[in-house]
Amino acid sequence: MLLPPKVAHGVADGSVTLAYRRWRKQDVRVGSEFRTVAGVVRVDEVEVVDADAITDEDAVAAGWPDADRLRRQLDKVVDVPTTYRVRLSWAGPDPRVALRESADLTDEDVAAIDAKLDRLDRASSHGPWTMATLDLIRRRPHTRAPDLAAEMGRERDPFKIDVRKLKNLGLTRSFDVGYEVSPRGLAYLERTTRK
């Protein structure tokens, strides 16, 4: 479930507790968690509701100024009559943030990262990419993703998906423009024997 940054930050500070969605079938499960720009958000409750019964108070709890504007947004989803109310809560900070800052790597940590990157390289349809991507981001921090992808002879979107895999391991971090290798990633690059 995607949340705009403003809504995600509202869940984190407690000012947003609801989301409304139009789905053909329920798209999230109670108890599931997902990462947002403001940390991890948990789904506490999901139920079908009558969109006409949404109150202004409900809309404000979902980050909207009033119910009419929320209903107009929902009505943009054509041919899907079912409206779901999703109760949300903040589950805590994104664990990748703490991971990427942890640069005191043991030999076992380096070996575990080596193994994960080896698996990503073996599973790739375009050949080994992990070390070249880390090196490129290290050399060209805060460079636009399309420019980095072009330098590697790749399309932007698949390149960004691969960088997200490195981010999930705590090796990179993202910015409004581009990426950089995290402290953990730099420590790893200093210690690994992978080429």
N, C-alpha and C. Protein backbone atom coordinates (compact mmCIF):
# COMPACT_ATOMS: atom_id res chain seq x y z
N MET A 1 0.86 -1.17 0.00
CA MET A 1 0.00 0.00 0.00
C MET A 1 0.90 1.23 0.00
N LEU A 2 0.72 2.10 -0.96
CA LEU A 2 1.53 3.31 -1.06
C LEU A 2 0.86 4.45 -0.30
N LEU A 3 1.67 5.19 0.43
CA LEU A 3 1.18 6.39 1.12
C LEU A 3 2.02 7.57 0.67
N PRO A 4 1.38 8.69 0.32
CA PRO A 4 2.15 9.90 0.01
C PRO A 4 2.97 10.31 1.23
N PRO A 5 4.11 10.96 1.03
CA PRO A 5 4.97 11.35 2.16
C PRO A 5 4.22 12.10 3.25
N LYS A 6 3.35 13.04 2.89
CA LYS A 6 2.64 13.82 3.90
C LYS A 6 1.77 12.91 4.78
N VAL A 7 1.11 11.94 4.16
CA VAL A 7 0.26 11.01 4.91
C VAL A 7 1.12 10.09 5.77
N ALA A 8 2.23 9.60 5.22
CA ALA A 8 3.12 8.72 5.98
C ALA A 8 3.65 9.44 7.22
N HIS A 9 4.05 10.70 7.07
CA HIS A 9 4.52 11.46 8.22
C HIS A 9 3.38 11.70 9.21
N GLY A 10 2.16 11.84 8.70
CA GLY A 10 1.00 11.98 9.59
C GLY A 10 0.75 10.72 10.40
N VAL A 11 0.95 9.55 9.78
CA VAL A 11 0.81 8.30 10.54
C VAL A 11 1.89 8.25 11.63
N ALA A 12 3.10 8.66 11.27
CA ALA A 12 4.20 8.63 12.25
C ALA A 12 3.95 9.55 13.43
N ASP A 13 3.36 10.72 13.17
CA ASP A 13 3.13 11.65 14.30
C ASP A 13 1.74 11.49 14.93
N GLY A 14 0.94 10.56 14.40
CA GLY A 14 -0.36 10.26 15.00
C GLY A 14 -1.52 11.10 14.49
N SER A 15 -1.26 12.05 13.59
CA SER A 15 -2.35 12.90 13.09
C SER A 15 -3.17 12.20 12.01
N VAL A 16 -2.64 11.15 11.41
CA VAL A 16 -3.36 10.37 10.39
C VAL A 16 -3.48 8.94 10.91
N THR A 17 -4.71 8.45 10.95
CA THR A 17 -4.94 7.08 11.44
C THR A 17 -5.74 6.24 10.46
N LEU A 18 -6.22 6.86 9.38
CA LEU A 18 -7.06 6.16 8.42
C LEU A 18 -6.56 6.38 6.99
N ALA A 19 -6.91 5.45 6.13
CA ALA A 19 -6.74 5.63 4.69
C ALA A 19 -7.97 5.03 4.04
N TYR A 20 -8.39 5.60 2.94
CA TYR A 20 -9.53 5.09 2.18
C TYR A 20 -9.04 4.72 0.80
N ARG A 21 -9.46 3.55 0.33
CA ARG A 21 -9.04 3.08 -0.98
C ARG A 21 -10.21 2.43 -1.69
N ARG A 22 -10.17 2.47 -3.02
CA ARG A 22 -11.13 1.72 -3.85
C ARG A 22 -10.35 0.56 -4.47
N TRP A 23 -10.76 -0.65 -4.13
CA TRP A 23 -10.13 -1.85 -4.66
C TRP A 23 -11.21 -2.82 -5.12
N ARG A 24 -10.90 -3.61 -6.11
CA ARG A 24 -11.82 -4.67 -6.54
C ARG A 24 -11.91 -5.74 -5.45
N LYS A 25 -10.77 -6.03 -4.82
CA LYS A 25 -10.75 -6.93 -3.66
C LYS A 25 -9.74 -6.38 -2.68
N GLN A 26 -9.89 -6.76 -1.44
CA GLN A 26 -9.03 -6.22 -0.37
C GLN A 26 -7.57 -6.41 -0.74
N ASP A 27 -6.80 -5.31 -0.67
CA ASP A 27 -5.42 -5.31 -1.15
C ASP A 27 -4.39 -5.43 -0.03
N VAL A 28 -4.81 -5.31 1.22
CA VAL A 28 -3.89 -5.44 2.35
C VAL A 28 -4.53 -6.31 3.43
N ARG A 29 -3.68 -6.93 4.24
CA ARG A 29 -4.17 -7.77 5.32
C ARG A 29 -3.94 -7.08 6.66
N VAL A 30 -4.83 -7.34 7.60
CA VAL A 30 -4.66 -6.83 8.96
C VAL A 30 -3.38 -7.45 9.53
N GLY A 31 -2.56 -6.60 10.15
CA GLY A 31 -1.31 -7.06 10.72
C GLY A 31 -0.11 -6.89 9.80
N SER A 32 -0.36 -6.63 8.51
CA SER A 32 0.77 -6.45 7.60
C SER A 32 1.43 -5.11 7.87
N GLU A 33 2.71 -5.02 7.54
CA GLU A 33 3.49 -3.80 7.72
C GLU A 33 4.18 -3.48 6.42
N PHE A 34 4.38 -2.17 6.19
CA PHE A 34 5.09 -1.75 4.99
C PHE A 34 5.91 -0.51 5.29
N ARG A 35 6.98 -0.36 4.53
CA ARG A 35 7.88 0.77 4.74
C ARG A 35 7.39 2.00 3.99
N THR A 36 7.56 3.15 4.63
CA THR A 36 7.24 4.43 4.01
C THR A 36 8.41 5.37 4.27
N VAL A 37 8.33 6.59 3.74
CA VAL A 37 9.38 7.57 3.98
C VAL A 37 9.47 7.94 5.45
N ALA A 38 8.43 7.69 6.23
CA ALA A 38 8.41 8.07 7.64
C ALA A 38 8.63 6.88 8.57
N GLY A 39 8.91 5.73 8.04
CA GLY A 39 9.11 4.55 8.85
C GLY A 39 8.13 3.45 8.48
N VAL A 40 7.96 2.51 9.38
CA VAL A 40 7.12 1.34 9.11
C VAL A 40 5.70 1.62 9.60
N VAL A 41 4.73 1.32 8.74
CA VAL A 41 3.31 1.52 9.05
C VAL A 41 2.64 0.16 9.11
N ARG A 42 1.76 -0.02 10.10
CA ARG A 42 1.04 -1.27 10.30
C ARG A 42 -0.43 -1.09 9.93
N VAL A 43 -1.01 -2.12 9.34
CA VAL A 43 -2.45 -2.16 9.04
C VAL A 43 -3.14 -2.82 10.23
N ASP A 44 -3.98 -2.04 10.93
CA ASP A 44 -4.66 -2.53 12.13
C ASP A 44 -6.07 -3.04 11.86
N GLU A 45 -6.71 -2.53 10.82
CA GLU A 45 -8.10 -2.92 10.55
C GLU A 45 -8.41 -2.57 9.10
N VAL A 46 -9.19 -3.41 8.44
CA VAL A 46 -9.66 -3.12 7.08
C VAL A 46 -11.14 -3.49 7.03
N GLU A 47 -11.96 -2.56 6.54
CA GLU A 47 -13.37 -2.90 6.38
C GLU A 47 -13.99 -2.13 5.22
N VAL A 48 -14.99 -2.72 4.63
CA VAL A 48 -15.74 -2.08 3.55
C VAL A 48 -16.67 -1.05 4.18
N VAL A 49 -16.72 0.14 3.57
CA VAL A 49 -17.58 1.21 4.09
C VAL A 49 -18.36 1.84 2.93
N ASP A 50 -19.39 2.54 3.29
CA ASP A 50 -20.17 3.32 2.32
C ASP A 50 -19.47 4.68 2.18
N ALA A 51 -19.01 4.99 0.99
CA ALA A 51 -18.28 6.26 0.78
C ALA A 51 -19.13 7.46 1.16
N ASP A 52 -20.45 7.37 0.97
CA ASP A 52 -21.33 8.49 1.31
C ASP A 52 -21.42 8.72 2.82
N ALA A 53 -21.02 7.71 3.60
CA ALA A 53 -21.10 7.83 5.06
C ALA A 53 -19.80 8.38 5.68
N ILE A 54 -18.79 8.62 4.85
CA ILE A 54 -17.53 9.18 5.36
C ILE A 54 -17.80 10.60 5.87
N THR A 55 -17.41 10.87 7.09
CA THR A 55 -17.62 12.19 7.69
C THR A 55 -16.39 13.07 7.48
N ASP A 56 -16.56 14.35 7.74
CA ASP A 56 -15.41 15.26 7.68
C ASP A 56 -14.34 14.83 8.68
N GLU A 57 -14.77 14.37 9.83
CA GLU A 57 -13.81 13.91 10.85
C GLU A 57 -13.01 12.71 10.34
N ASP A 58 -13.70 11.78 9.67
CA ASP A 58 -13.01 10.63 9.06
C ASP A 58 -11.99 11.10 8.03
N ALA A 59 -12.40 12.06 7.20
CA ALA A 59 -11.52 12.56 6.14
C ALA A 59 -10.27 13.20 6.73
N VAL A 60 -10.44 14.00 7.77
CA VAL A 60 -9.28 14.64 8.42
C VAL A 60 -8.35 13.57 8.99
N ALA A 61 -8.91 12.51 9.55
CA ALA A 61 -8.10 11.41 10.09
C ALA A 61 -7.35 10.67 8.99
N ALA A 62 -7.79 10.88 7.74
CA ALA A 62 -7.10 10.28 6.58
C ALA A 62 -6.21 11.29 5.86
N GLY A 63 -6.09 12.50 6.44
CA GLY A 63 -5.20 13.50 5.85
C GLY A 63 -5.85 14.39 4.80
N TRP A 64 -7.19 14.38 4.74
CA TRP A 64 -7.92 15.20 3.78
C TRP A 64 -8.61 16.35 4.51
N PRO A 65 -8.84 17.48 3.85
CA PRO A 65 -9.48 18.61 4.53
C PRO A 65 -10.96 18.36 4.85
N ASP A 66 -11.64 17.58 3.99
CA ASP A 66 -13.06 17.30 4.24
C ASP A 66 -13.49 16.08 3.44
N ALA A 67 -14.67 15.57 3.77
CA ALA A 67 -15.18 14.34 3.16
C ALA A 67 -15.46 14.50 1.67
N ASP A 68 -15.95 15.67 1.25
CA ASP A 68 -16.25 15.85 -0.18
C ASP A 68 -15.00 15.70 -1.03
N ARG A 69 -13.89 16.28 -0.60
CA ARG A 69 -12.65 16.16 -1.38
C ARG A 69 -12.15 14.72 -1.39
N LEU A 70 -12.26 14.05 -0.28
CA LEU A 70 -11.85 12.65 -0.23
C LEU A 70 -12.70 11.81 -1.18
N ARG A 71 -14.02 12.03 -1.18
CA ARG A 71 -14.91 11.28 -2.08
C ARG A 71 -14.58 11.57 -3.54
N ARG A 72 -14.25 12.83 -3.86
CA ARG A 72 -13.88 13.16 -5.25
C ARG A 72 -12.61 12.39 -5.66
N GLN A 73 -11.68 12.27 -4.73
CA GLN A 73 -10.46 11.51 -5.02
C GLN A 73 -10.80 10.03 -5.24
N LEU A 74 -11.64 9.48 -4.38
CA LEU A 74 -12.04 8.08 -4.53
C LEU A 74 -12.75 7.85 -5.85
N ASP A 75 -13.58 8.82 -6.27
CA ASP A 75 -14.35 8.68 -7.51
C ASP A 75 -13.48 8.68 -8.76
N LYS A 76 -12.22 9.05 -8.61
CA LYS A 76 -11.30 8.99 -9.76
C LYS A 76 -10.98 7.54 -10.15
N VAL A 77 -11.23 6.63 -9.23
CA VAL A 77 -11.04 5.21 -9.52
C VAL A 77 -12.34 4.72 -10.13
N VAL A 78 -12.36 4.60 -11.45
CA VAL A 78 -13.60 4.27 -12.16
C VAL A 78 -13.86 2.77 -12.15
N ASP A 79 -15.11 2.42 -12.21
CA ASP A 79 -15.56 1.03 -12.29
C ASP A 79 -15.15 0.18 -11.09
N VAL A 80 -14.86 0.80 -9.96
CA VAL A 80 -14.55 0.05 -8.74
C VAL A 80 -15.43 0.64 -7.64
N PRO A 81 -16.56 0.00 -7.36
CA PRO A 81 -17.51 0.58 -6.42
C PRO A 81 -17.18 0.37 -4.94
N THR A 82 -16.29 -0.57 -4.62
CA THR A 82 -16.06 -0.91 -3.21
C THR A 82 -15.03 0.01 -2.58
N THR A 83 -15.44 0.65 -1.47
CA THR A 83 -14.55 1.54 -0.72
C THR A 83 -14.12 0.84 0.55
N TYR A 84 -12.82 0.85 0.80
CA TYR A 84 -12.26 0.25 2.01
C TYR A 84 -11.72 1.35 2.93
N ARG A 85 -11.98 1.17 4.22
CA ARG A 85 -11.35 2.02 5.23
C ARG A 85 -10.25 1.18 5.87
N VAL A 86 -9.03 1.73 5.88
CA VAL A 86 -7.88 1.03 6.45
C VAL A 86 -7.41 1.83 7.66
N ARG A 87 -7.43 1.20 8.83
CA ARG A 87 -6.91 1.84 10.04
C ARG A 87 -5.42 1.55 10.12
N LEU A 88 -4.63 2.63 10.30
CA LEU A 88 -3.17 2.54 10.26
C LEU A 88 -2.56 3.00 11.58
N SER A 89 -1.38 2.47 11.89
CA SER A 89 -0.60 2.97 13.02
C SER A 89 0.88 2.88 12.67
N TRP A 90 1.67 3.67 13.36
CA TRP A 90 3.10 3.69 13.13
C TRP A 90 3.73 2.54 13.91
N ALA A 91 4.52 1.71 13.23
CA ALA A 91 5.13 0.54 13.87
C ALA A 91 6.58 0.79 14.28
N GLY A 92 7.14 1.92 13.86
CA GLY A 92 8.51 2.24 14.25
C GLY A 92 9.33 2.71 13.08
N PRO A 93 10.59 3.03 13.34
CA PRO A 93 11.46 3.52 12.27
C PRO A 93 11.81 2.40 11.29
N ASP A 94 12.21 2.79 10.11
CA ASP A 94 12.64 1.84 9.08
C ASP A 94 13.94 1.18 9.55
N PRO A 95 13.96 -0.14 9.72
CA PRO A 95 15.16 -0.79 10.23
C PRO A 95 16.37 -0.63 9.31
N ARG A 96 16.14 -0.30 8.05
CA ARG A 96 17.26 -0.10 7.13
C ARG A 96 18.08 1.12 7.51
N VAL A 97 17.45 2.10 8.19
CA VAL A 97 18.18 3.31 8.58
C VAL A 97 19.27 2.95 9.57
N ALA A 98 18.93 2.20 10.61
CA ALA A 98 19.94 1.79 11.59
C ALA A 98 20.96 0.87 10.95
N LEU A 99 20.50 -0.02 10.07
CA LEU A 99 21.40 -0.96 9.42
C LEU A 99 22.46 -0.24 8.60
N ARG A 100 22.04 0.75 7.81
CA ARG A 100 23.00 1.42 6.92
C ARG A 100 24.03 2.24 7.69
N GLU A 101 23.71 2.61 8.93
CA GLU A 101 24.67 3.38 9.74
C GLU A 101 25.64 2.47 10.49
N SER A 102 25.35 1.18 10.55
CA SER A 102 26.21 0.27 11.32
C SER A 102 27.40 -0.17 10.45
N ALA A 103 28.53 0.49 10.68
CA ALA A 103 29.71 0.28 9.84
C ALA A 103 30.76 -0.58 10.50
N ASP A 104 30.53 -1.02 11.73
CA ASP A 104 31.49 -1.85 12.44
C ASP A 104 31.22 -3.31 12.06
N LEU A 105 31.76 -3.74 10.93
CA LEU A 105 31.45 -5.05 10.39
C LEU A 105 32.41 -6.11 10.90
N THR A 106 31.88 -7.25 11.26
CA THR A 106 32.70 -8.41 11.61
C THR A 106 33.02 -9.18 10.33
N ASP A 107 33.93 -10.14 10.43
CA ASP A 107 34.22 -10.99 9.29
C ASP A 107 32.97 -11.73 8.84
N GLU A 108 32.13 -12.12 9.82
CA GLU A 108 30.89 -12.82 9.50
C GLU A 108 29.91 -11.91 8.76
N ASP A 109 29.87 -10.63 9.16
CA ASP A 109 29.01 -9.67 8.46
C ASP A 109 29.44 -9.54 7.00
N VAL A 110 30.74 -9.40 6.77
CA VAL A 110 31.26 -9.26 5.41
C VAL A 110 30.93 -10.51 4.60
N ALA A 111 31.13 -11.68 5.19
CA ALA A 111 30.84 -12.94 4.48
C ALA A 111 29.36 -13.05 4.16
N ALA A 112 28.49 -12.61 5.08
CA ALA A 112 27.04 -12.67 4.83
C ALA A 112 26.64 -11.72 3.70
N ILE A 113 27.22 -10.53 3.68
CA ILE A 113 26.92 -9.59 2.58
C ILE A 113 27.45 -10.14 1.27
N ASP A 114 28.68 -10.70 1.29
CA ASP A 114 29.23 -11.34 0.09
C ASP A 114 28.25 -12.37 -0.47
N ALA A 115 27.74 -13.22 0.41
CA ALA A 115 26.83 -14.29 -0.03
C ALA A 115 25.55 -13.72 -0.62
N LYS A 116 24.99 -12.68 0.01
CA LYS A 116 23.76 -12.07 -0.51
C LYS A 116 23.99 -11.42 -1.86
N LEU A 117 25.11 -10.73 -2.02
CA LEU A 117 25.40 -10.10 -3.31
C LEU A 117 25.69 -11.14 -4.38
N ASP A 118 26.36 -12.24 -4.00
CA ASP A 118 26.58 -13.34 -4.95
C ASP A 118 25.25 -13.88 -5.46
N ARG A 119 24.28 -14.05 -4.53
CA ARG A 119 22.96 -14.55 -4.94
C ARG A 119 22.26 -13.58 -5.88
N LEU A 120 22.35 -12.28 -5.58
CA LEU A 120 21.72 -11.29 -6.47
C LEU A 120 22.36 -11.33 -7.85
N ASP A 121 23.68 -11.45 -7.91
CA ASP A 121 24.37 -11.51 -9.20
C ASP A 121 23.97 -12.77 -9.97
N ARG A 122 23.92 -13.91 -9.29
CA ARG A 122 23.56 -15.16 -9.97
C ARG A 122 22.12 -15.14 -10.48
N ALA A 123 21.22 -14.47 -9.75
CA ALA A 123 19.80 -14.44 -10.13
C ALA A 123 19.51 -13.41 -11.23
N SER A 124 20.48 -12.59 -11.55
CA SER A 124 20.26 -11.50 -12.50
C SER A 124 20.18 -11.99 -13.93
N SER A 125 19.25 -11.43 -14.69
CA SER A 125 19.14 -11.76 -16.11
C SER A 125 20.13 -10.97 -16.96
N HIS A 126 20.77 -9.96 -16.37
CA HIS A 126 21.71 -9.13 -17.12
C HIS A 126 23.15 -9.27 -16.62
N GLY A 127 23.41 -10.33 -15.87
CA GLY A 127 24.77 -10.61 -15.41
C GLY A 127 25.08 -9.93 -14.09
N PRO A 128 26.30 -10.18 -13.58
CA PRO A 128 26.70 -9.59 -12.30
C PRO A 128 26.63 -8.06 -12.36
N TRP A 129 26.06 -7.48 -11.32
CA TRP A 129 25.86 -6.03 -11.32
C TRP A 129 26.15 -5.37 -9.98
N THR A 130 26.20 -6.14 -8.90
CA THR A 130 26.22 -5.54 -7.57
C THR A 130 27.46 -4.68 -7.31
N MET A 131 28.64 -5.22 -7.58
CA MET A 131 29.86 -4.47 -7.27
C MET A 131 30.02 -3.27 -8.19
N ALA A 132 29.67 -3.44 -9.47
CA ALA A 132 29.77 -2.31 -10.41
C ALA A 132 28.82 -1.19 -10.00
N THR A 133 27.64 -1.56 -9.54
CA THR A 133 26.66 -0.54 -9.12
C THR A 133 27.12 0.17 -7.85
N LEU A 134 27.61 -0.57 -6.88
CA LEU A 134 28.14 0.06 -5.67
C LEU A 134 29.30 1.00 -6.00
N ASP A 135 30.18 0.55 -6.88
CA ASP A 135 31.34 1.38 -7.25
C ASP A 135 30.88 2.66 -7.96
N LEU A 136 29.92 2.52 -8.86
CA LEU A 136 29.41 3.69 -9.59
C LEU A 136 28.77 4.70 -8.63
N ILE A 137 27.96 4.22 -7.70
CA ILE A 137 27.30 5.12 -6.74
C ILE A 137 28.35 5.76 -5.83
N ARG A 138 29.38 5.00 -5.45
CA ARG A 138 30.44 5.56 -4.62
C ARG A 138 31.18 6.68 -5.36
N ARG A 139 31.43 6.47 -6.65
CA ARG A 139 32.16 7.48 -7.44
C ARG A 139 31.29 8.67 -7.82
N ARG A 140 29.97 8.46 -7.96
CA ARG A 140 29.09 9.51 -8.45
C ARG A 140 27.87 9.69 -7.55
N PRO A 141 28.11 10.09 -6.28
CA PRO A 141 26.96 10.26 -5.37
C PRO A 141 26.06 11.40 -5.83
N HIS A 142 24.80 11.28 -5.49
CA HIS A 142 23.79 12.32 -5.77
C HIS A 142 23.66 12.60 -7.27
N THR A 143 23.90 11.58 -8.09
CA THR A 143 23.72 11.68 -9.54
C THR A 143 22.37 11.07 -9.89
N ARG A 144 21.67 11.70 -10.81
CA ARG A 144 20.35 11.21 -11.22
C ARG A 144 20.39 9.75 -11.66
N ALA A 145 19.38 9.00 -11.25
CA ALA A 145 19.30 7.58 -11.60
C ALA A 145 19.36 7.35 -13.11
N PRO A 146 18.67 8.16 -13.96
CA PRO A 146 18.78 7.92 -15.40
C PRO A 146 20.21 8.05 -15.92
N ASP A 147 20.98 8.98 -15.33
CA ASP A 147 22.37 9.15 -15.76
C ASP A 147 23.23 7.96 -15.35
N LEU A 148 23.02 7.48 -14.11
CA LEU A 148 23.76 6.31 -13.65
C LEU A 148 23.41 5.08 -14.48
N ALA A 149 22.12 4.91 -14.74
CA ALA A 149 21.67 3.75 -15.53
C ALA A 149 22.28 3.79 -16.92
N ALA A 150 22.28 4.97 -17.53
CA ALA A 150 22.85 5.10 -18.87
C ALA A 150 24.33 4.76 -18.87
N GLU A 151 25.03 5.17 -17.83
CA GLU A 151 26.47 4.87 -17.76
C GLU A 151 26.72 3.37 -17.70
N MET A 152 25.76 2.63 -17.12
CA MET A 152 25.88 1.17 -17.05
C MET A 152 25.22 0.47 -18.23
N GLY A 153 24.67 1.27 -19.17
CA GLY A 153 24.01 0.67 -20.34
C GLY A 153 22.71 0.00 -19.98
N ARG A 154 22.00 0.54 -18.99
CA ARG A 154 20.76 -0.07 -18.53
C ARG A 154 19.62 0.94 -18.59
N GLU A 155 18.40 0.43 -18.52
CA GLU A 155 17.23 1.29 -18.44
C GLU A 155 17.06 1.74 -17.00
N ARG A 156 16.45 2.91 -16.82
CA ARG A 156 16.33 3.52 -15.50
C ARG A 156 15.58 2.66 -14.50
N ASP A 157 14.38 2.20 -14.85
CA ASP A 157 13.54 1.51 -13.86
C ASP A 157 14.15 0.20 -13.35
N PRO A 158 14.66 -0.68 -14.23
CA PRO A 158 15.32 -1.88 -13.70
C PRO A 158 16.56 -1.54 -12.86
N PHE A 159 17.27 -0.49 -13.25
CA PHE A 159 18.43 -0.06 -12.47
C PHE A 159 18.00 0.36 -11.06
N LYS A 160 16.92 1.14 -10.98
CA LYS A 160 16.44 1.60 -9.68
C LYS A 160 15.99 0.43 -8.81
N ILE A 161 15.39 -0.58 -9.41
CA ILE A 161 14.98 -1.76 -8.65
C ILE A 161 16.21 -2.45 -8.05
N ASP A 162 17.28 -2.54 -8.84
CA ASP A 162 18.50 -3.15 -8.32
C ASP A 162 19.10 -2.32 -7.19
N VAL A 163 19.11 -1.00 -7.33
CA VAL A 163 19.65 -0.17 -6.25
C VAL A 163 18.82 -0.34 -4.98
N ARG A 164 17.52 -0.52 -5.13
CA ARG A 164 16.66 -0.75 -3.96
C ARG A 164 17.06 -2.04 -3.25
N LYS A 165 17.51 -3.04 -3.99
CA LYS A 165 17.97 -4.28 -3.36
C LYS A 165 19.21 -4.01 -2.52
N LEU A 166 20.10 -3.15 -3.00
CA LEU A 166 21.28 -2.78 -2.22
C LEU A 166 20.88 -1.98 -0.98
N LYS A 167 19.88 -1.12 -1.15
CA LYS A 167 19.38 -0.32 -0.02
C LYS A 167 18.79 -1.22 1.05
N ASN A 168 18.08 -2.27 0.64
CA ASN A 168 17.49 -3.20 1.60
C ASN A 168 18.55 -3.92 2.43
N LEU A 169 19.76 -4.01 1.90
CA LEU A 169 20.87 -4.63 2.63
C LEU A 169 21.63 -3.59 3.47
N GLY A 170 21.18 -2.34 3.42
CA GLY A 170 21.84 -1.29 4.19
C GLY A 170 23.09 -0.73 3.54
N LEU A 171 23.29 -1.00 2.25
CA LEU A 171 24.54 -0.60 1.59
C LEU A 171 24.47 0.76 0.90
N THR A 172 23.27 1.23 0.61
CA THR A 172 23.11 2.54 -0.03
C THR A 172 21.99 3.30 0.66
N ARG A 173 21.90 4.57 0.35
CA ARG A 173 20.76 5.36 0.78
C ARG A 173 20.34 6.26 -0.37
N SER A 174 19.07 6.59 -0.40
CA SER A 174 18.48 7.37 -1.49
C SER A 174 18.25 8.80 -1.06
N PHE A 175 18.29 9.70 -2.05
CA PHE A 175 18.04 11.11 -1.84
C PHE A 175 17.05 11.58 -2.89
N ASP A 176 16.61 12.83 -2.79
CA ASP A 176 15.72 13.36 -3.82
C ASP A 176 16.37 13.23 -5.19
N VAL A 177 17.67 13.44 -5.24
CA VAL A 177 18.43 13.22 -6.47
C VAL A 177 19.54 12.22 -6.17
N GLY A 178 19.43 11.05 -6.73
CA GLY A 178 20.49 10.07 -6.66
C GLY A 178 20.62 9.32 -5.35
N TYR A 179 21.79 8.74 -5.20
CA TYR A 179 22.08 7.84 -4.08
C TYR A 179 23.48 8.13 -3.56
N GLU A 180 23.80 7.47 -2.45
CA GLU A 180 25.19 7.40 -2.03
C GLU A 180 25.39 6.07 -1.33
N VAL A 181 26.65 5.63 -1.25
CA VAL A 181 26.96 4.41 -0.52
C VAL A 181 26.92 4.78 0.96
N SER A 182 26.24 3.98 1.74
CA SER A 182 26.07 4.24 3.18
C SER A 182 27.38 3.95 3.92
N PRO A 183 27.45 4.37 5.20
CA PRO A 183 28.63 4.00 6.00
C PRO A 183 28.85 2.48 6.02
N ARG A 184 27.76 1.71 6.14
CA ARG A 184 27.90 0.24 6.10
C ARG A 184 28.45 -0.20 4.75
N GLY A 185 27.93 0.40 3.67
CA GLY A 185 28.41 0.04 2.34
C GLY A 185 29.88 0.37 2.14
N LEU A 186 30.31 1.52 2.63
CA LEU A 186 31.72 1.91 2.51
C LEU A 186 32.60 0.95 3.30
N ALA A 187 32.17 0.59 4.52
CA ALA A 187 32.94 -0.35 5.32
C ALA A 187 33.02 -1.71 4.62
N TYR A 188 31.92 -2.10 4.01
CA TYR A 188 31.90 -3.37 3.28
C TYR A 188 32.88 -3.32 2.10
N LEU A 189 32.85 -2.25 1.32
CA LEU A 189 33.73 -2.15 0.15
C LEU A 189 35.20 -2.18 0.56
N GLU A 190 35.51 -1.65 1.73
CA GLU A 190 36.91 -1.68 2.21
C GLU A 190 37.34 -3.09 2.60
N ARG A 191 36.39 -3.92 3.01
CA ARG A 191 36.73 -5.23 3.56
C ARG A 191 36.56 -6.39 2.60
N THR A 192 35.67 -6.27 1.65
CA THR A 192 35.36 -7.42 0.80
C THR A 192 36.51 -7.71 -0.17
N THR A 193 36.59 -8.96 -0.58
CA THR A 193 37.54 -9.35 -1.62
C THR A 193 36.83 -9.56 -2.96
N ARG A 194 35.50 -9.32 -2.99
CA ARG A 194 34.76 -9.45 -4.25
C ARG A 194 35.20 -8.36 -5.20
N LYS A 195 35.20 -8.65 -6.47
CA LYS A 195 35.57 -7.67 -7.50
C LYS A 195 34.35 -7.25 -8.27
